[in-house]
Amino acid sequence: MADSLKVSTQVLDRADDGSAIRGTFVYPSVELDSGEAGRVHIGRMKRYPVWIEKVDLGNGVSKDQISYEETPVGLLFSIKFVLDNGAITYSGKAESKVTEGTFGTSSTIKSSEVIFYGKTTIGELVQVQFEGADGTPEEILIHFGPTDD
């Protein structure tokens, strides 16, 4: 059986456009086995138009039909670790995505990301910092601890 840990984080909460709400934190966590990847999304899904076509309704009547896609905005965080005799080797990616709005037939989404890796032990805090898509600092605190079992 693989070694399991609870990976807990402290991150800034998100506004509807995906930007960070300064001073308001959320604390998502995920339980993972050693070697397993986990993902967390703080934010919402942004729906945007990608295609418009005329649809014939019959009798010479038609209408525009709009097709949509969705993309996550906010903070997307992924992490993987390997536990070996109490030593934790980890790697991950954090991506900050904000929408600047939909205007007519175009939507603008900005993003920035950081890839991180390192070694730690159970109970120590790991800090990840990068510039968010809205131009302000992002900080993620990561804690590897025992599962709730």
C-alpha atoms as a PDB file:
ATOM      1  CA  MET A   1       0.000   0.000   0.000  1.00  0.00           C
ATOM      2  CA  ALA A   2       1.225   3.498  -0.883  1.00  0.00           C
ATOM      3  CA  ASP A   3       1.951   6.123   1.768  1.00  0.00           C
ATOM      4  CA  SER A   4      -0.878   8.681   1.954  1.00  0.00           C
ATOM      5  CA  LEU A   5      -0.646  12.296   3.089  1.00  0.00           C
ATOM      6  CA  LYS A   6      -3.051  15.196   3.402  1.00  0.00           C
ATOM      7  CA  VAL A   7      -1.818  18.167   1.351  1.00  0.00           C
ATOM      8  CA  SER A   8      -3.351  21.329   2.821  1.00  0.00           C
ATOM      9  CA  THR A   9      -3.006  24.811   1.385  1.00  0.00           C
ATOM     10  CA  GLN A  10      -3.725  28.409   2.258  1.00  0.00           C
ATOM     11  CA  VAL A  11      -4.593  30.518  -0.797  1.00  0.00           C
ATOM     12  CA  LEU A  12      -6.439  33.743  -1.480  1.00  0.00           C
ATOM     13  CA  ASP A  13     -10.136  33.437  -2.322  1.00  0.00           C
ATOM     14  CA  ARG A  14     -11.297  34.572  -5.772  1.00  0.00           C
ATOM     15  CA  ALA A  15     -13.682  37.165  -7.206  1.00  0.00           C
ATOM     16  CA  ASP A  16     -16.006  36.305 -10.107  1.00  0.00           C
ATOM     17  CA  ASP A  17     -13.404  37.483 -12.647  1.00  0.00           C
ATOM     18  CA  GLY A  18     -10.783  35.153 -11.110  1.00  0.00           C
ATOM     19  CA  SER A  19      -8.741  37.874  -9.411  1.00  0.00           C
ATOM     20  CA  ALA A  20      -7.511  37.356  -5.867  1.00  0.00           C
ATOM     21  CA  ILE A  21      -9.465  38.862  -2.960  1.00  0.00           C
ATOM     22  CA  ARG A  22      -6.727  40.319  -0.772  1.00  0.00           C
ATOM     23  CA  GLY A  23      -6.914  39.277   2.891  1.00  0.00           C
ATOM     24  CA  THR A  24      -9.595  36.594   2.346  1.00  0.00           C
ATOM     25  CA  PHE A  25      -8.196  33.080   2.517  1.00  0.00           C
ATOM     26  CA  VAL A  26      -9.526  29.615   1.760  1.00  0.00           C
ATOM     27  CA  TYR A  27      -7.948  26.358   2.902  1.00  0.00           C
ATOM     28  CA  PRO A  28      -8.455  23.567   0.357  1.00  0.00           C
ATOM     29  CA  SER A  29      -6.889  20.178   0.966  1.00  0.00           C
ATOM     30  CA  VAL A  30      -6.614  16.852  -0.777  1.00  0.00           C
ATOM     31  CA  GLU A  31      -5.532  13.407   0.397  1.00  0.00           C
ATOM     32  CA  LEU A  32      -3.086  11.740  -1.982  1.00  0.00           C
ATOM     33  CA  ASP A  33      -1.064   8.572  -2.166  1.00  0.00           C
ATOM     34  CA  SER A  34       2.655   8.875  -2.776  1.00  0.00           C
ATOM     35  CA  GLY A  35       3.141   9.288  -6.546  1.00  0.00           C
ATOM     36  CA  GLU A  36      -0.454  10.419  -7.156  1.00  0.00           C
ATOM     37  CA  ALA A  37      -1.244  13.869  -8.592  1.00  0.00           C
ATOM     38  CA  GLY A  38      -3.913  16.119  -7.104  1.00  0.00           C
ATOM     39  CA  ARG A  39      -5.639  19.258  -8.392  1.00  0.00           C
ATOM     40  CA  VAL A  40      -7.570  22.108  -6.814  1.00  0.00           C
ATOM     41  CA  HIS A  41      -9.497  24.915  -8.542  1.00  0.00           C
ATOM     42  CA  ILE A  42     -10.462  28.026  -6.575  1.00  0.00           C
ATOM     43  CA  GLY A  43     -12.761  30.177  -8.671  1.00  0.00           C
ATOM     44  CA  ARG A  44     -15.459  29.613 -11.244  1.00  0.00           C
ATOM     45  CA  MET A  45     -15.901  28.478 -14.814  1.00  0.00           C
ATOM     46  CA  LYS A  46     -16.015  31.282 -17.403  1.00  0.00           C
ATOM     47  CA  ARG A  47     -18.423  30.655 -20.279  1.00  0.00           C
ATOM     48  CA  TYR A  48     -17.545  32.404 -23.532  1.00  0.00           C
ATOM     49  CA  PRO A  49     -18.791  32.324 -27.141  1.00  0.00           C
ATOM     50  CA  VAL A  50     -16.694  30.436 -29.706  1.00  0.00           C
ATOM     51  CA  TRP A  51     -18.946  30.044 -32.742  1.00  0.00           C
ATOM     52  CA  ILE A  52     -22.016  31.693 -34.265  1.00  0.00           C
ATOM     53  CA  GLU A  53     -24.006  30.130 -37.063  1.00  0.00           C
ATOM     54  CA  LYS A  54     -27.353  30.751 -38.736  1.00  0.00           C
ATOM     55  CA  VAL A  55     -29.947  28.078 -38.026  1.00  0.00           C
ATOM     56  CA  ASP A  56     -32.843  27.654 -40.442  1.00  0.00           C
ATOM     57  CA  LEU A  57     -36.127  27.459 -38.533  1.00  0.00           C
ATOM     58  CA  GLY A  58     -38.145  26.877 -41.736  1.00  0.00           C
ATOM     59  CA  ASN A  59     -40.572  29.097 -43.674  1.00  0.00           C
ATOM     60  CA  GLY A  60     -37.746  31.543 -44.455  1.00  0.00           C
ATOM     61  CA  VAL A  61     -37.050  32.207 -40.786  1.00  0.00           C
ATOM     62  CA  SER A  62     -33.586  31.807 -39.283  1.00  0.00           C
ATOM     63  CA  LYS A  63     -31.782  32.775 -36.118  1.00  0.00           C
ATOM     64  CA  ASP A  64     -28.224  33.004 -34.844  1.00  0.00           C
ATOM     65  CA  GLN A  65     -27.151  30.095 -32.655  1.00  0.00           C
ATOM     66  CA  ILE A  66     -24.147  30.682 -30.425  1.00  0.00           C
ATOM     67  CA  SER A  67     -21.893  27.844 -29.274  1.00  0.00           C
ATOM     68  CA  TYR A  68     -20.018  28.254 -25.999  1.00  0.00           C
ATOM     69  CA  GLU A  69     -17.020  26.737 -24.238  1.00  0.00           C
ATOM     70  CA  GLU A  70     -15.924  27.026 -20.620  1.00  0.00           C
ATOM     71  CA  THR A  71     -12.546  27.611 -19.033  1.00  0.00           C
ATOM     72  CA  PRO A  72     -11.647  27.836 -15.355  1.00  0.00           C
ATOM     73  CA  VAL A  73     -10.671  31.253 -13.965  1.00  0.00           C
ATOM     74  CA  GLY A  74      -9.135  31.855 -10.561  1.00  0.00           C
ATOM     75  CA  LEU A  75      -6.363  29.700  -9.131  1.00  0.00           C
ATOM     76  CA  LEU A  76      -5.587  26.266 -10.534  1.00  0.00           C
ATOM     77  CA  PHE A  77      -3.173  24.291  -8.412  1.00  0.00           C
ATOM     78  CA  SER A  78      -1.702  20.850  -9.027  1.00  0.00           C
ATOM     79  CA  ILE A  79       0.797  18.905  -6.942  1.00  0.00           C
ATOM     80  CA  LYS A  80       2.450  15.515  -6.789  1.00  0.00           C
ATOM     81  CA  PHE A  81       4.783  14.100  -4.139  1.00  0.00           C
ATOM     82  CA  VAL A  82       6.813  11.010  -3.350  1.00  0.00           C
ATOM     83  CA  LEU A  83       7.293  10.011   0.278  1.00  0.00           C
ATOM     84  CA  ASP A  84      10.466   8.060   1.066  1.00  0.00           C
ATOM     85  CA  ASN A  85      11.472   7.375   4.690  1.00  0.00           C
ATOM     86  CA  GLY A  86       9.887  10.627   5.923  1.00  0.00           C
ATOM     87  CA  ALA A  87      11.412  12.746   3.147  1.00  0.00           C
ATOM     88  CA  ILE A  88       8.956  14.358   0.708  1.00  0.00           C
ATOM     89  CA  THR A  89       9.986  15.252  -2.827  1.00  0.00           C
ATOM     90  CA  TYR A  90       7.275  17.372  -4.461  1.00  0.00           C
ATOM     91  CA  SER A  91       6.529  19.198  -7.692  1.00  0.00           C
ATOM     92  CA  GLY A  92       3.588  21.223  -8.865  1.00  0.00           C
ATOM     93  CA  LYS A  93       2.152  24.079 -10.839  1.00  0.00           C
ATOM     94  CA  ALA A  94       0.013  27.048  -9.837  1.00  0.00           C
ATOM     95  CA  GLU A  95      -1.800  29.086 -12.468  1.00  0.00           C
ATOM     96  CA  SER A  96      -3.625  32.371 -11.905  1.00  0.00           C
ATOM     97  CA  LYS A  97      -6.264  33.141 -14.578  1.00  0.00           C
ATOM     98  CA  VAL A  98      -8.463  36.256 -14.775  1.00  0.00           C
ATOM     99  CA  THR A  99     -11.022  37.308 -17.324  1.00  0.00           C
ATOM    100  CA  GLU A 100     -11.035  40.851 -18.609  1.00  0.00           C
ATOM    101  CA  GLY A 101     -14.506  40.393 -20.056  1.00  0.00           C
ATOM    102  CA  THR A 102     -16.363  39.365 -23.178  1.00  0.00           C
ATOM    103  CA  PHE A 103     -16.956  42.063 -25.760  1.00  0.00           C
ATOM    104  CA  GLY A 104     -19.048  41.087 -28.749  1.00  0.00           C
ATOM    105  CA  THR A 105     -17.374  38.024 -30.186  1.00  0.00           C
ATOM    106  CA  SER A 106     -14.144  38.046 -28.197  1.00  0.00           C
ATOM    107  CA  SER A 107     -13.155  37.160 -24.637  1.00  0.00           C
ATOM    108  CA  THR A 108      -9.874  38.132 -23.027  1.00  0.00           C
ATOM    109  CA  ILE A 109      -8.312  35.880 -20.394  1.00  0.00           C
ATOM    110  CA  LYS A 110      -4.914  36.620 -18.840  1.00  0.00           C
ATOM    111  CA  SER A 111      -2.858  34.025 -17.017  1.00  0.00           C
ATOM    112  CA  SER A 112       0.430  33.565 -15.237  1.00  0.00           C
ATOM    113  CA  GLU A 113       1.892  30.406 -13.815  1.00  0.00           C
ATOM    114  CA  VAL A 114       4.708  29.095 -11.714  1.00  0.00           C
ATOM    115  CA  ILE A 115       6.198  25.622 -11.678  1.00  0.00           C
ATOM    116  CA  PHE A 116       7.749  24.628  -8.365  1.00  0.00           C
ATOM    117  CA  TYR A 117       9.548  21.655  -6.855  1.00  0.00           C
ATOM    118  CA  GLY A 118      11.625  20.782  -3.839  1.00  0.00           C
ATOM    119  CA  LYS A 119      12.126  18.595  -0.797  1.00  0.00           C
ATOM    120  CA  THR A 120      10.624  18.878   2.663  1.00  0.00           C
ATOM    121  CA  THR A 121       9.509  16.738   5.588  1.00  0.00           C
ATOM    122  CA  ILE A 122       6.127  15.990   7.114  1.00  0.00           C
ATOM    123  CA  GLY A 123       4.803  18.969   9.071  1.00  0.00           C
ATOM    124  CA  GLU A 124       6.961  21.678   7.479  1.00  0.00           C
ATOM    125  CA  LEU A 125       5.413  24.546   5.505  1.00  0.00           C
ATOM    126  CA  VAL A 126       6.333  25.168   1.876  1.00  0.00           C
ATOM    127  CA  GLN A 127       5.821  28.675   0.467  1.00  0.00           C
ATOM    128  CA  VAL A 128       5.244  29.384  -3.238  1.00  0.00           C
ATOM    129  CA  GLN A 129       5.184  32.983  -4.493  1.00  0.00           C
ATOM    130  CA  PHE A 130       4.573  34.401  -7.971  1.00  0.00           C
ATOM    131  CA  GLU A 131       2.955  37.356  -9.728  1.00  0.00           C
ATOM    132  CA  GLY A 132      -0.720  36.703 -10.400  1.00  0.00           C
ATOM    133  CA  ALA A 133      -2.464  37.395 -13.687  1.00  0.00           C
ATOM    134  CA  ASP A 134      -3.928  40.594 -12.194  1.00  0.00           C
ATOM    135  CA  GLY A 135      -0.375  41.845 -11.501  1.00  0.00           C
ATOM    136  CA  THR A 136      -0.451  41.386  -7.732  1.00  0.00           C
ATOM    137  CA  PRO A 137       1.541  38.926  -5.604  1.00  0.00           C
ATOM    138  CA  GLU A 138       0.218  35.418  -5.071  1.00  0.00           C
ATOM    139  CA  GLU A 139       1.340  33.322  -2.117  1.00  0.00           C
ATOM    140  CA  ILE A 140       0.470  29.697  -1.509  1.00  0.00           C
ATOM    141  CA  LEU A 141       1.327  27.914   1.726  1.00  0.00           C
ATOM    142  CA  ILE A 142       1.496  24.128   1.453  1.00  0.00           C
ATOM    143  CA  HIS A 143       1.528  21.667   4.362  1.00  0.00           C
ATOM    144  CA  PHE A 144       2.122  17.920   4.070  1.00  0.00           C
ATOM    145  CA  GLY A 145       0.625  16.077   7.002  1.00  0.00           C
ATOM    146  CA  PRO A 146      -1.004  12.819   8.027  1.00  0.00           C
ATOM    147  CA  THR A 147      -4.404  11.885   6.625  1.00  0.00           C
ATOM    148  CA  ASP A 148      -7.525  12.172   8.784  1.00  0.00           C
ATOM    149  CA  ASP A 149      -7.762   8.369   9.147  1.00  0.00           C
END
